[in-house]
Amino acid sequence: MDRGALQRFAKTLLEPSDEIALESTTNAWAVADLLEPYLAKVVVSNALATKGRTPGRRRMGDGARCLAASAAR
């Protein structure tokens, strides 16, 4: 996905009240910087550092919900 496509995604599908959590990868900070103006909160996390913080079974999105909840504290 290029920068323009990501901006179109942000402008059309994201709400100012939305919050996201990104796994810390090579481009995570560039993506976070690009999306930040369209969101209430952006959290970037090291997956290895937060691996054990999601209670129960691991499902897609569990880590993001856990990070968003902990960032709100």
C-alpha atoms as a PDB file:
ATOM      1  CA  MET A   1       0.000   0.000   0.000  1.00  0.00           C
ATOM      2  CA  ASP A   2       1.437   3.385  -0.907  1.00  0.00           C
ATOM      3  CA  ARG A   3       1.108   6.683   0.981  1.00  0.00           C
ATOM      4  CA  GLY A   4      -1.777   7.951  -1.177  1.00  0.00           C
ATOM      5  CA  ALA A   5      -3.797   4.769  -0.722  1.00  0.00           C
ATOM      6  CA  LEU A   6      -3.263   4.898   3.033  1.00  0.00           C
ATOM      7  CA  GLN A   7      -4.422   8.523   3.161  1.00  0.00           C
ATOM      8  CA  ARG A   8      -7.535   7.675   1.104  1.00  0.00           C
ATOM      9  CA  PHE A   9      -8.252   4.807   3.505  1.00  0.00           C
ATOM     10  CA  ALA A  10      -7.898   7.148   6.480  1.00  0.00           C
ATOM     11  CA  LYS A  11     -10.089   9.870   4.982  1.00  0.00           C
ATOM     12  CA  THR A  12     -12.901   7.548   3.922  1.00  0.00           C
ATOM     13  CA  LEU A  13     -13.052   4.784   6.537  1.00  0.00           C
ATOM     14  CA  LEU A  14     -11.660   6.156   9.782  1.00  0.00           C
ATOM     15  CA  GLU A  15     -13.548   8.293  12.271  1.00  0.00           C
ATOM     16  CA  PRO A  16     -11.937  10.963  14.494  1.00  0.00           C
ATOM     17  CA  SER A  17     -13.008   8.908  17.535  1.00  0.00           C
ATOM     18  CA  ASP A  18     -11.280   5.720  16.278  1.00  0.00           C
ATOM     19  CA  GLU A  19      -8.217   4.299  18.021  1.00  0.00           C
ATOM     20  CA  ILE A  20      -5.704   1.855  16.545  1.00  0.00           C
ATOM     21  CA  ALA A  21      -2.789  -0.240  17.746  1.00  0.00           C
ATOM     22  CA  LEU A  22       0.078  -1.088  15.392  1.00  0.00           C
ATOM     23  CA  GLU A  23       2.731  -3.737  15.840  1.00  0.00           C
ATOM     24  CA  SER A  24       6.158  -2.175  15.827  1.00  0.00           C
ATOM     25  CA  THR A  25       7.683  -3.043  12.451  1.00  0.00           C
ATOM     26  CA  THR A  26       9.942  -1.246  10.019  1.00  0.00           C
ATOM     27  CA  ASN A  27       7.224   1.093   8.733  1.00  0.00           C
ATOM     28  CA  ALA A  28       5.026   1.332  11.836  1.00  0.00           C
ATOM     29  CA  TRP A  29       6.108   4.853  12.785  1.00  0.00           C
ATOM     30  CA  ALA A  30       5.623   6.169   9.244  1.00  0.00           C
ATOM     31  CA  VAL A  31       2.119   4.668   9.177  1.00  0.00           C
ATOM     32  CA  ALA A  32       1.366   5.988  12.674  1.00  0.00           C
ATOM     33  CA  ASP A  33       2.475   9.502  11.688  1.00  0.00           C
ATOM     34  CA  LEU A  34       0.315   9.391   8.569  1.00  0.00           C
ATOM     35  CA  LEU A  35      -2.815   8.121  10.370  1.00  0.00           C
ATOM     36  CA  GLU A  36      -2.489  10.181  13.556  1.00  0.00           C
ATOM     37  CA  PRO A  37      -4.316  13.286  12.261  1.00  0.00           C
ATOM     38  CA  TYR A  38      -7.382  11.148  11.454  1.00  0.00           C
ATOM     39  CA  LEU A  39      -7.622   9.290  14.777  1.00  0.00           C
ATOM     40  CA  ALA A  40      -8.185   9.891  18.461  1.00  0.00           C
ATOM     41  CA  LYS A  41      -5.240   7.667  19.404  1.00  0.00           C
ATOM     42  CA  VAL A  42      -2.476   5.638  17.761  1.00  0.00           C
ATOM     43  CA  VAL A  43      -0.489   3.125  19.830  1.00  0.00           C
ATOM     44  CA  VAL A  44       2.669   1.426  18.516  1.00  0.00           C
ATOM     45  CA  SER A  45       3.780  -1.631  20.460  1.00  0.00           C
ATOM     46  CA  ASN A  46       6.626  -4.100  20.396  1.00  0.00           C
ATOM     47  CA  ALA A  47       4.866  -7.457  20.024  1.00  0.00           C
ATOM     48  CA  LEU A  48       7.521  -9.288  22.038  1.00  0.00           C
ATOM     49  CA  ALA A  49       7.168  -6.852  24.937  1.00  0.00           C
ATOM     50  CA  THR A  50       3.361  -7.101  25.059  1.00  0.00           C
ATOM     51  CA  LYS A  51       3.032 -10.792  24.131  1.00  0.00           C
ATOM     52  CA  GLY A  52       1.980 -11.980  27.579  1.00  0.00           C
ATOM     53  CA  ARG A  53      -0.442  -9.168  28.339  1.00  0.00           C
ATOM     54  CA  THR A  54      -3.445 -10.574  26.487  1.00  0.00           C
ATOM     55  CA  PRO A  55      -5.339 -12.917  28.819  1.00  0.00           C
ATOM     56  CA  GLY A  56      -6.984 -16.089  27.518  1.00  0.00           C
ATOM     57  CA  ARG A  57      -6.859 -17.468  24.015  1.00  0.00           C
ATOM     58  CA  ARG A  58      -5.106 -15.505  21.275  1.00  0.00           C
ATOM     59  CA  ARG A  59      -7.414 -14.373  18.487  1.00  0.00           C
ATOM     60  CA  MET A  60      -6.934 -11.823  15.761  1.00  0.00           C
ATOM     61  CA  GLY A  61      -7.405  -8.424  17.353  1.00  0.00           C
ATOM     62  CA  ASP A  62      -6.875  -9.472  20.980  1.00  0.00           C
ATOM     63  CA  GLY A  63      -3.512  -7.736  21.144  1.00  0.00           C
ATOM     64  CA  ALA A  64      -4.887  -4.546  19.600  1.00  0.00           C
ATOM     65  CA  ARG A  65      -7.770  -4.414  22.091  1.00  0.00           C
ATOM     66  CA  CYS A  66      -5.390  -5.072  24.971  1.00  0.00           C
ATOM     67  CA  LEU A  67      -2.993  -2.327  23.845  1.00  0.00           C
ATOM     68  CA  ALA A  68      -5.772   0.158  23.256  1.00  0.00           C
ATOM     69  CA  ALA A  69      -7.187  -0.524  26.720  1.00  0.00           C
ATOM     70  CA  SER A  70      -3.803  -0.194  28.405  1.00  0.00           C
ATOM     71  CA  ALA A  71      -2.999   3.000  26.494  1.00  0.00           C
ATOM     72  CA  ALA A  72      -6.253   4.557  27.702  1.00  0.00           C
ATOM     73  CA  ARG A  73      -5.170   4.209  31.334  1.00  0.00           C
END
